[in-house]
Each structure stands twice: as structure tokens, then as C-alpha cells.
């Protein structure tokens, strides 16, 4: 089996026919979104495996060098601040290995949704749009599109029509909604089919959002 280098939490049947690979936010763990699965409203017999990997621990510059679970380093969140391109690409490699592992377990990439919240959402967008094989969908929650100016050259041709679900809190004080809308507009400008949702919340998820995610997953995975 492919060595993903990441430990994971898994929910769902061993003989799954579809998978959702869901990445947590900065400082969290793979257990963070595990409780959401029953709230998505998917069919009880849906053959879907949810895979929640744990990010490795590393120093984060934005947080004074504190060591915490992080997919890549963050130098700052203001416009023009350099981004950790090497760290993002390394994380994309880990995610590609997990996608390949799912294929080895009987779920091809076209039956897999790559999802993430906050920093995990940034990795989902970065890795998913560059992954050579087509995916069923990409989901980014309360996040932003990293290295947006590189995407037109770096994106994989297989994803030109991949559905993208983006959602953001209108009162997000960590990653302002303007980061979400700018990401939405950048993706739409490149021709991606983006479904956008905004909710009256902060840097979190809400029940209405979870229900919308469930509807979208049923559509893109044909459940």
C-alpha cells in the first residue's frame, strides 16, 4: 500500500465505493470533523468512506514559531505576504499519496471528494487542482486559494470541469470573507464551476452549511 506518511481517522464501510478525504484546520486534528458525518444526511447505506488525516507538527511563523499540527507554514495573511510554496507542495504530495491509497482500496480518484477547512481547505484547493487525475469534487470551507497567481499555469487539465464547493462565514475574524470571495472569483475566472455559500457565522461551520454539504456530496458522488 502507498506510504502516505500521514495517520488517519476513518469513518465508513471497508468496502466503500466513494471517499471523502477531509483536511482539518491549523492546530486541530483528524478527529475535528469526525462528528459531522452523521449530520450530513447521507443515505444510511451510502458506501462512502470518510478519511480524516492528521497534519504533522511543525513551527508556524504566524503563531510565533509555536509547534502545532499544520499542513504548511504561514508567514502572514495580509496581501503580498510570501507564501510557503515548498510546504504547500509537500502537503500536496501527502494528499496525492492518500488519493492513491484510496485507489488501491477500490475507490478511484473520480469517486473521491477532496475537502478541507481553513488551512486544510487551502491544501485541498492547492493539491486538488494540481492532481493529475480527475476528482469527483473539491470542497473548501472558510478558506482561501493559495498561490492563486500560479494556478493558470499549474492546474491539471483533468480538473477543468471539477465541481468546487466554497463556503465562508460573513463574520470570519480569522480569514475574512474577502479572502473567500476573492478565491471564488479567481476560480470562476478560470472557468471552474463554483458553488458559493455564505453564512452569518465566524470561523466555524454551522448546521445549514453542513446540510448544504450533504446535498452537494449526494450530487457529486451520485448517492
C-alpha atoms as a PDB file:
ATOM      1  CA  UNK A   1       0.000   0.000   0.000  1.00  0.00           C
ATOM      2  CA  UNK A   2       1.214   3.519  -0.754  1.00  0.00           C
ATOM      3  CA  UNK A   3       3.005   5.191   2.157  1.00  0.00           C
ATOM      4  CA  UNK A   4       1.046   8.391   2.781  1.00  0.00           C
ATOM      5  CA  UNK A   5       3.217   9.428   5.778  1.00  0.00           C
ATOM      6  CA  UNK A   6       0.023  10.596   7.496  1.00  0.00           C
ATOM      7  CA  UNK A   7      -2.025   8.903  10.204  1.00  0.00           C
ATOM      8  CA  UNK A   8      -5.765   8.983   9.559  1.00  0.00           C
ATOM      9  CA  UNK A   9      -9.142   8.655  11.268  1.00  0.00           C
ATOM     10  CA  UNK A  10     -11.700   6.778   9.163  1.00  0.00           C
ATOM     11  CA  UNK A  11     -15.483   6.500   9.220  1.00  0.00           C
ATOM     12  CA  UNK A  12     -17.456   4.267   6.876  1.00  0.00           C
ATOM     13  CA  UNK A  13     -17.520   0.807   5.351  1.00  0.00           C
ATOM     14  CA  UNK A  14     -14.383  -1.124   4.456  1.00  0.00           C
ATOM     15  CA  UNK A  15     -15.829  -1.865   1.016  1.00  0.00           C
ATOM     16  CA  UNK A  16     -16.558   1.766   0.152  1.00  0.00           C
ATOM     17  CA  UNK A  17     -17.306   2.802  -3.421  1.00  0.00           C
ATOM     18  CA  UNK A  18     -16.629   6.507  -2.810  1.00  0.00           C
ATOM     19  CA  UNK A  19     -14.433   8.506  -0.434  1.00  0.00           C
ATOM     20  CA  UNK A  20     -14.247  11.946   1.118  1.00  0.00           C
ATOM     21  CA  UNK A  21     -10.735  12.995   2.127  1.00  0.00           C
ATOM     22  CA  UNK A  22     -11.257  15.837   4.625  1.00  0.00           C
ATOM     23  CA  UNK A  23      -8.397  18.003   5.970  1.00  0.00           C
ATOM     24  CA  UNK A  24      -8.612  19.815   9.305  1.00  0.00           C
ATOM     25  CA  UNK A  25      -7.557  23.355  10.096  1.00  0.00           C
ATOM     26  CA  UNK A  26      -4.421  24.716  11.740  1.00  0.00           C
ATOM     27  CA  UNK A  27      -3.771  23.284  15.210  1.00  0.00           C
ATOM     28  CA  UNK A  28      -6.599  20.745  15.029  1.00  0.00           C
ATOM     29  CA  UNK A  29      -6.579  17.010  14.260  1.00  0.00           C
ATOM     30  CA  UNK A  30      -8.265  14.421  12.092  1.00  0.00           C
ATOM     31  CA  UNK A  31     -10.902  13.981  14.791  1.00  0.00           C
ATOM     32  CA  UNK A  32     -12.120  17.574  14.320  1.00  0.00           C
ATOM     33  CA  UNK A  33     -14.745  16.872  11.655  1.00  0.00           C
ATOM     34  CA  UNK A  34     -15.444  13.243  12.507  1.00  0.00           C
ATOM     35  CA  UNK A  35     -18.680  14.113  14.419  1.00  0.00           C
ATOM     36  CA  UNK A  36     -20.115  15.897  11.358  1.00  0.00           C
ATOM     37  CA  UNK A  37     -20.501  12.724   9.276  1.00  0.00           C
ATOM     38  CA  UNK A  38     -23.855  11.643  10.795  1.00  0.00           C
ATOM     39  CA  UNK A  39     -25.192  15.199  10.384  1.00  0.00           C
ATOM     40  CA  UNK A  40     -24.681  15.292   6.607  1.00  0.00           C
ATOM     41  CA  UNK A  41     -27.929  13.466   5.915  1.00  0.00           C
ATOM     42  CA  UNK A  42     -26.404  10.950   3.518  1.00  0.00           C
ATOM     43  CA  UNK A  43     -28.316   7.718   2.857  1.00  0.00           C
ATOM     44  CA  UNK A  44     -27.777   5.222   5.674  1.00  0.00           C
ATOM     45  CA  UNK A  45     -26.442   2.660   3.219  1.00  0.00           C
ATOM     46  CA  UNK A  46     -24.228   5.099   1.287  1.00  0.00           C
ATOM     47  CA  UNK A  47     -20.946   3.270   0.501  1.00  0.00           C
ATOM     48  CA  UNK A  48     -18.814   6.298   1.422  1.00  0.00           C
ATOM     49  CA  UNK A  49     -15.618   6.246   3.461  1.00  0.00           C
ATOM     50  CA  UNK A  50     -14.570   9.465   5.202  1.00  0.00           C
ATOM     51  CA  UNK A  51     -10.808   9.783   5.697  1.00  0.00           C
ATOM     52  CA  UNK A  52      -9.572  12.463   8.110  1.00  0.00           C
ATOM     53  CA  UNK A  53      -5.755  12.712   8.143  1.00  0.00           C
ATOM     54  CA  UNK A  54      -3.720  14.288  10.944  1.00  0.00           C
ATOM     55  CA  UNK A  55      -1.324  17.035   9.842  1.00  0.00           C
ATOM     56  CA  UNK A  56       2.261  16.674  11.126  1.00  0.00           C
ATOM     57  CA  UNK A  57       3.509  19.067  13.798  1.00  0.00           C
ATOM     58  CA  UNK A  58       5.721  21.952  12.750  1.00  0.00           C
ATOM     59  CA  UNK A  59       6.598  25.515  13.826  1.00  0.00           C
ATOM     60  CA  UNK A  60       4.199  28.141  12.486  1.00  0.00           C
ATOM     61  CA  UNK A  61       5.702  31.575  11.887  1.00  0.00           C
ATOM     62  CA  UNK A  62       2.370  33.408  12.196  1.00  0.00           C
ATOM     63  CA  UNK A  63       1.975  31.996  15.708  1.00  0.00           C
ATOM     64  CA  UNK A  64       5.428  32.997  16.911  1.00  0.00           C
ATOM     65  CA  UNK A  65       7.081  29.747  15.876  1.00  0.00           C
ATOM     66  CA  UNK A  66       4.823  27.648  18.099  1.00  0.00           C
ATOM     67  CA  UNK A  67       4.869  23.965  17.140  1.00  0.00           C
ATOM     68  CA  UNK A  68       1.415  22.635  16.225  1.00  0.00           C
ATOM     69  CA  UNK A  69      -0.346  20.444  13.677  1.00  0.00           C
ATOM     70  CA  UNK A  70      -0.005  22.340  10.398  1.00  0.00           C
ATOM     71  CA  UNK A  71      -0.096  21.430   6.726  1.00  0.00           C
ATOM     72  CA  UNK A  72       2.412  24.164   5.847  1.00  0.00           C
ATOM     73  CA  UNK A  73       3.959  27.269   7.407  1.00  0.00           C
ATOM     74  CA  UNK A  74       2.052  30.558   7.409  1.00  0.00           C
ATOM     75  CA  UNK A  75       4.083  33.768   7.326  1.00  0.00           C
ATOM     76  CA  UNK A  76       1.104  36.123   7.389  1.00  0.00           C
ATOM     77  CA  UNK A  77      -2.377  36.634   5.995  1.00  0.00           C
ATOM     78  CA  UNK A  78      -2.144  40.126   4.537  1.00  0.00           C
ATOM     79  CA  UNK A  79      -1.938  40.750   0.796  1.00  0.00           C
ATOM     80  CA  UNK A  80       1.596  40.498  -0.550  1.00  0.00           C
ATOM     81  CA  UNK A  81       2.946  38.316   2.269  1.00  0.00           C
ATOM     82  CA  UNK A  82       5.103  35.470   0.882  1.00  0.00           C
ATOM     83  CA  UNK A  83       3.522  32.018   0.956  1.00  0.00           C
ATOM     84  CA  UNK A  84       5.120  28.693   1.845  1.00  0.00           C
ATOM     85  CA  UNK A  85       5.135  27.234  -1.662  1.00  0.00           C
ATOM     86  CA  UNK A  86       7.504  24.419  -0.715  1.00  0.00           C
ATOM     87  CA  UNK A  87       5.327  23.453   2.254  1.00  0.00           C
ATOM     88  CA  UNK A  88       2.165  23.555   0.141  1.00  0.00           C
ATOM     89  CA  UNK A  89       3.756  21.319  -2.478  1.00  0.00           C
ATOM     90  CA  UNK A  90       4.945  18.900   0.201  1.00  0.00           C
ATOM     91  CA  UNK A  91       1.422  18.706   1.621  1.00  0.00           C
ATOM     92  CA  UNK A  92       0.081  18.138  -1.892  1.00  0.00           C
ATOM     93  CA  UNK A  93       2.384  15.148  -2.141  1.00  0.00           C
ATOM     94  CA  UNK A  94       0.969  13.667   1.055  1.00  0.00           C
ATOM     95  CA  UNK A  95      -2.565  14.167  -0.234  1.00  0.00           C
ATOM     96  CA  UNK A  96      -1.731  12.593  -3.597  1.00  0.00           C
ATOM     97  CA  UNK A  97      -0.426   9.545  -1.715  1.00  0.00           C
ATOM     98  CA  UNK A  98      -3.696   9.282   0.223  1.00  0.00           C
ATOM     99  CA  UNK A  99      -5.697   9.563  -3.009  1.00  0.00           C
ATOM    100  CA  UNK A 100      -3.574   6.782  -4.478  1.00  0.00           C
ATOM    101  CA  UNK A 101      -4.135   4.706  -1.344  1.00  0.00           C
ATOM    102  CA  UNK A 102      -7.881   5.041  -1.815  1.00  0.00           C
ATOM    103  CA  UNK A 103      -7.478   3.832  -5.402  1.00  0.00           C
ATOM    104  CA  UNK A 104      -5.628   0.787  -4.105  1.00  0.00           C
ATOM    105  CA  UNK A 105      -8.603   0.151  -1.809  1.00  0.00           C
ATOM    106  CA  UNK A 106     -11.060   0.257  -4.684  1.00  0.00           C
ATOM    107  CA  UNK A 107     -12.043   3.937  -4.862  1.00  0.00           C
ATOM    108  CA  UNK A 108     -10.704   5.660  -7.996  1.00  0.00           C
ATOM    109  CA  UNK A 109      -9.953   9.387  -7.947  1.00  0.00           C
ATOM    110  CA  UNK A 110     -13.100  10.196  -9.922  1.00  0.00           C
ATOM    111  CA  UNK A 111     -15.122   8.830  -6.981  1.00  0.00           C
ATOM    112  CA  UNK A 112     -13.251  10.889  -4.363  1.00  0.00           C
ATOM    113  CA  UNK A 113     -14.004  14.343  -2.957  1.00  0.00           C
ATOM    114  CA  UNK A 114     -11.089  16.321  -1.518  1.00  0.00           C
ATOM    115  CA  UNK A 115     -12.302  18.642   1.237  1.00  0.00           C
ATOM    116  CA  UNK A 116     -10.824  20.868   3.909  1.00  0.00           C
ATOM    117  CA  UNK A 117     -11.473  23.586   6.462  1.00  0.00           C
ATOM    118  CA  UNK A 118      -9.345  26.736   6.826  1.00  0.00           C
ATOM    119  CA  UNK A 119      -5.690  25.743   6.267  1.00  0.00           C
ATOM    120  CA  UNK A 120      -6.898  22.285   5.268  1.00  0.00           C
ATOM    121  CA  UNK A 121      -9.180  23.886   2.700  1.00  0.00           C
ATOM    122  CA  UNK A 122      -6.252  25.791   1.232  1.00  0.00           C
ATOM    123  CA  UNK A 123      -4.392  22.491   0.819  1.00  0.00           C
ATOM    124  CA  UNK A 124      -7.487  20.860  -0.701  1.00  0.00           C
ATOM    125  CA  UNK A 125      -7.662  23.597  -3.346  1.00  0.00           C
ATOM    126  CA  UNK A 126      -3.908  23.665  -3.946  1.00  0.00           C
ATOM    127  CA  UNK A 127      -3.469  19.888  -4.129  1.00  0.00           C
ATOM    128  CA  UNK A 128      -6.765  19.032  -5.787  1.00  0.00           C
ATOM    129  CA  UNK A 129      -6.466  21.423  -8.722  1.00  0.00           C
ATOM    130  CA  UNK A 130      -2.932  20.180  -9.420  1.00  0.00           C
ATOM    131  CA  UNK A 131      -3.629  16.453  -9.032  1.00  0.00           C
ATOM    132  CA  UNK A 132      -3.165  14.717 -12.386  1.00  0.00           C
ATOM    133  CA  UNK A 133      -6.311  12.576 -12.159  1.00  0.00           C
ATOM    134  CA  UNK A 134      -9.846  13.921 -12.155  1.00  0.00           C
ATOM    135  CA  UNK A 135     -11.675  14.126  -8.816  1.00  0.00           C
ATOM    136  CA  UNK A 136     -15.408  13.958  -8.086  1.00  0.00           C
ATOM    137  CA  UNK A 137     -15.252  17.351  -6.386  1.00  0.00           C
ATOM    138  CA  UNK A 138     -13.214  19.759  -4.261  1.00  0.00           C
ATOM    139  CA  UNK A 139     -14.579  21.494  -1.161  1.00  0.00           C
ATOM    140  CA  UNK A 140     -13.080  24.442   0.707  1.00  0.00           C
ATOM    141  CA  UNK A 141     -14.667  25.735   3.911  1.00  0.00           C
ATOM    142  CA  UNK A 142     -13.698  29.094   5.478  1.00  0.00           C
ATOM    143  CA  UNK A 143     -10.523  29.139   3.426  1.00  0.00           C
ATOM    144  CA  UNK A 144      -8.617  30.804   0.600  1.00  0.00           C
ATOM    145  CA  UNK A 145      -6.890  29.869  -2.650  1.00  0.00           C
ATOM    146  CA  UNK A 146      -3.118  29.884  -2.056  1.00  0.00           C
ATOM    147  CA  UNK A 147      -0.724  30.884  -4.832  1.00  0.00           C
ATOM    148  CA  UNK A 148      -3.694  31.990  -6.910  1.00  0.00           C
ATOM    149  CA  UNK A 149      -1.467  33.735  -9.449  1.00  0.00           C
ATOM    150  CA  UNK A 150       0.269  30.408 -10.229  1.00  0.00           C
ATOM    151  CA  UNK A 151      -2.871  28.390 -10.855  1.00  0.00           C
ATOM    152  CA  UNK A 152      -3.475  29.203 -14.515  1.00  0.00           C
ATOM    153  CA  UNK A 153      -0.106  27.583 -15.372  1.00  0.00           C
ATOM    154  CA  UNK A 154      -0.012  24.901 -12.654  1.00  0.00           C
ATOM    155  CA  UNK A 155      -3.529  23.459 -12.804  1.00  0.00           C
ATOM    156  CA  UNK A 156      -4.159  19.992 -14.163  1.00  0.00           C
ATOM    157  CA  UNK A 157      -6.251  19.708 -17.314  1.00  0.00           C
ATOM    158  CA  UNK A 158      -8.304  16.900 -15.706  1.00  0.00           C
ATOM    159  CA  UNK A 159      -9.977  19.411 -13.357  1.00  0.00           C
ATOM    160  CA  UNK A 160     -11.362  21.986 -15.752  1.00  0.00           C
ATOM    161  CA  UNK A 161     -14.923  20.775 -15.010  1.00  0.00           C
ATOM    162  CA  UNK A 162     -14.483  19.538 -11.424  1.00  0.00           C
ATOM    163  CA  UNK A 163     -17.287  20.870  -9.169  1.00  0.00           C
ATOM    164  CA  UNK A 164     -15.989  23.129  -6.387  1.00  0.00           C
ATOM    165  CA  UNK A 165     -17.945  23.900  -3.209  1.00  0.00           C
ATOM    166  CA  UNK A 166     -16.869  27.000  -1.265  1.00  0.00           C
ATOM    167  CA  UNK A 167     -18.454  28.287   1.951  1.00  0.00           C
ATOM    168  CA  UNK A 168     -17.446  31.092   4.302  1.00  0.00           C
ATOM    169  CA  UNK A 169     -18.612  32.924   7.386  1.00  0.00           C
ATOM    170  CA  UNK A 170     -19.683  36.526   6.865  1.00  0.00           C
ATOM    171  CA  UNK A 171     -18.132  37.480  10.231  1.00  0.00           C
ATOM    172  CA  UNK A 172     -14.972  35.387   9.975  1.00  0.00           C
ATOM    173  CA  UNK A 173     -12.311  37.192  12.014  1.00  0.00           C
ATOM    174  CA  UNK A 174      -9.527  34.718  11.190  1.00  0.00           C
ATOM    175  CA  UNK A 175      -9.804  34.511   7.412  1.00  0.00           C
ATOM    176  CA  UNK A 176     -12.018  37.401   6.346  1.00  0.00           C
ATOM    177  CA  UNK A 177     -14.788  36.688   3.890  1.00  0.00           C
ATOM    178  CA  UNK A 178     -12.997  38.847   1.316  1.00  0.00           C
ATOM    179  CA  UNK A 179     -10.410  36.035   1.075  1.00  0.00           C
ATOM    180  CA  UNK A 180     -13.235  33.634   0.295  1.00  0.00           C
ATOM    181  CA  UNK A 181     -14.888  35.843  -2.298  1.00  0.00           C
ATOM    182  CA  UNK A 182     -11.531  36.589  -3.966  1.00  0.00           C
ATOM    183  CA  UNK A 183     -10.870  32.846  -4.174  1.00  0.00           C
ATOM    184  CA  UNK A 184     -14.326  32.254  -5.599  1.00  0.00           C
ATOM    185  CA  UNK A 185     -13.817  34.921  -8.228  1.00  0.00           C
ATOM    186  CA  UNK A 186     -10.345  33.667  -9.161  1.00  0.00           C
ATOM    187  CA  UNK A 187     -11.633  30.115  -9.665  1.00  0.00           C
ATOM    188  CA  UNK A 188     -14.712  31.236 -11.563  1.00  0.00           C
ATOM    189  CA  UNK A 189     -12.491  33.438 -13.721  1.00  0.00           C
ATOM    190  CA  UNK A 190     -10.568  30.341 -14.769  1.00  0.00           C
ATOM    191  CA  UNK A 191     -13.810  28.636 -15.719  1.00  0.00           C
ATOM    192  CA  UNK A 192     -14.297  26.331 -12.751  1.00  0.00           C
ATOM    193  CA  UNK A 193     -17.902  25.512 -11.757  1.00  0.00           C
ATOM    194  CA  UNK A 194     -18.021  27.028  -8.255  1.00  0.00           C
ATOM    195  CA  UNK A 195     -20.938  26.692  -5.836  1.00  0.00           C
ATOM    196  CA  UNK A 196     -20.665  29.519  -3.282  1.00  0.00           C
ATOM    197  CA  UNK A 197     -22.328  29.779   0.137  1.00  0.00           C
ATOM    198  CA  UNK A 198     -22.002  32.499   2.798  1.00  0.00           C
ATOM    199  CA  UNK A 199     -23.419  32.185   6.306  1.00  0.00           C
ATOM    200  CA  UNK A 200     -23.873  34.619   9.244  1.00  0.00           C
ATOM    201  CA  UNK A 201     -21.133  32.983  11.338  1.00  0.00           C
ATOM    202  CA  UNK A 202     -17.492  33.367  12.362  1.00  0.00           C
ATOM    203  CA  UNK A 203     -14.576  30.980  11.620  1.00  0.00           C
ATOM    204  CA  UNK A 204     -16.592  27.800  12.070  1.00  0.00           C
ATOM    205  CA  UNK A 205     -19.243  25.626  10.460  1.00  0.00           C
ATOM    206  CA  UNK A 206     -22.994  25.765  11.027  1.00  0.00           C
ATOM    207  CA  UNK A 207     -25.892  23.348  10.649  1.00  0.00           C
ATOM    208  CA  UNK A 208     -27.218  24.981   7.472  1.00  0.00           C
ATOM    209  CA  UNK A 209     -23.757  24.679   5.927  1.00  0.00           C
ATOM    210  CA  UNK A 210     -23.447  21.011   6.935  1.00  0.00           C
ATOM    211  CA  UNK A 211     -26.812  20.302   5.325  1.00  0.00           C
ATOM    212  CA  UNK A 212     -25.720  22.057   2.115  1.00  0.00           C
ATOM    213  CA  UNK A 213     -22.530  19.992   2.099  1.00  0.00           C
ATOM    214  CA  UNK A 214     -24.629  16.835   2.371  1.00  0.00           C
ATOM    215  CA  UNK A 215     -26.770  17.853  -0.594  1.00  0.00           C
ATOM    216  CA  UNK A 216     -23.675  18.648  -2.666  1.00  0.00           C
ATOM    217  CA  UNK A 217     -21.970  15.348  -1.761  1.00  0.00           C
ATOM    218  CA  UNK A 218     -25.069  13.406  -2.817  1.00  0.00           C
ATOM    219  CA  UNK A 219     -24.915  15.199  -6.165  1.00  0.00           C
ATOM    220  CA  UNK A 220     -21.207  14.878  -6.986  1.00  0.00           C
ATOM    221  CA  UNK A 221     -20.992  11.272  -5.700  1.00  0.00           C
ATOM    222  CA  UNK A 222     -24.353  10.291  -7.205  1.00  0.00           C
ATOM    223  CA  UNK A 223     -25.613   8.853  -3.911  1.00  0.00           C
END
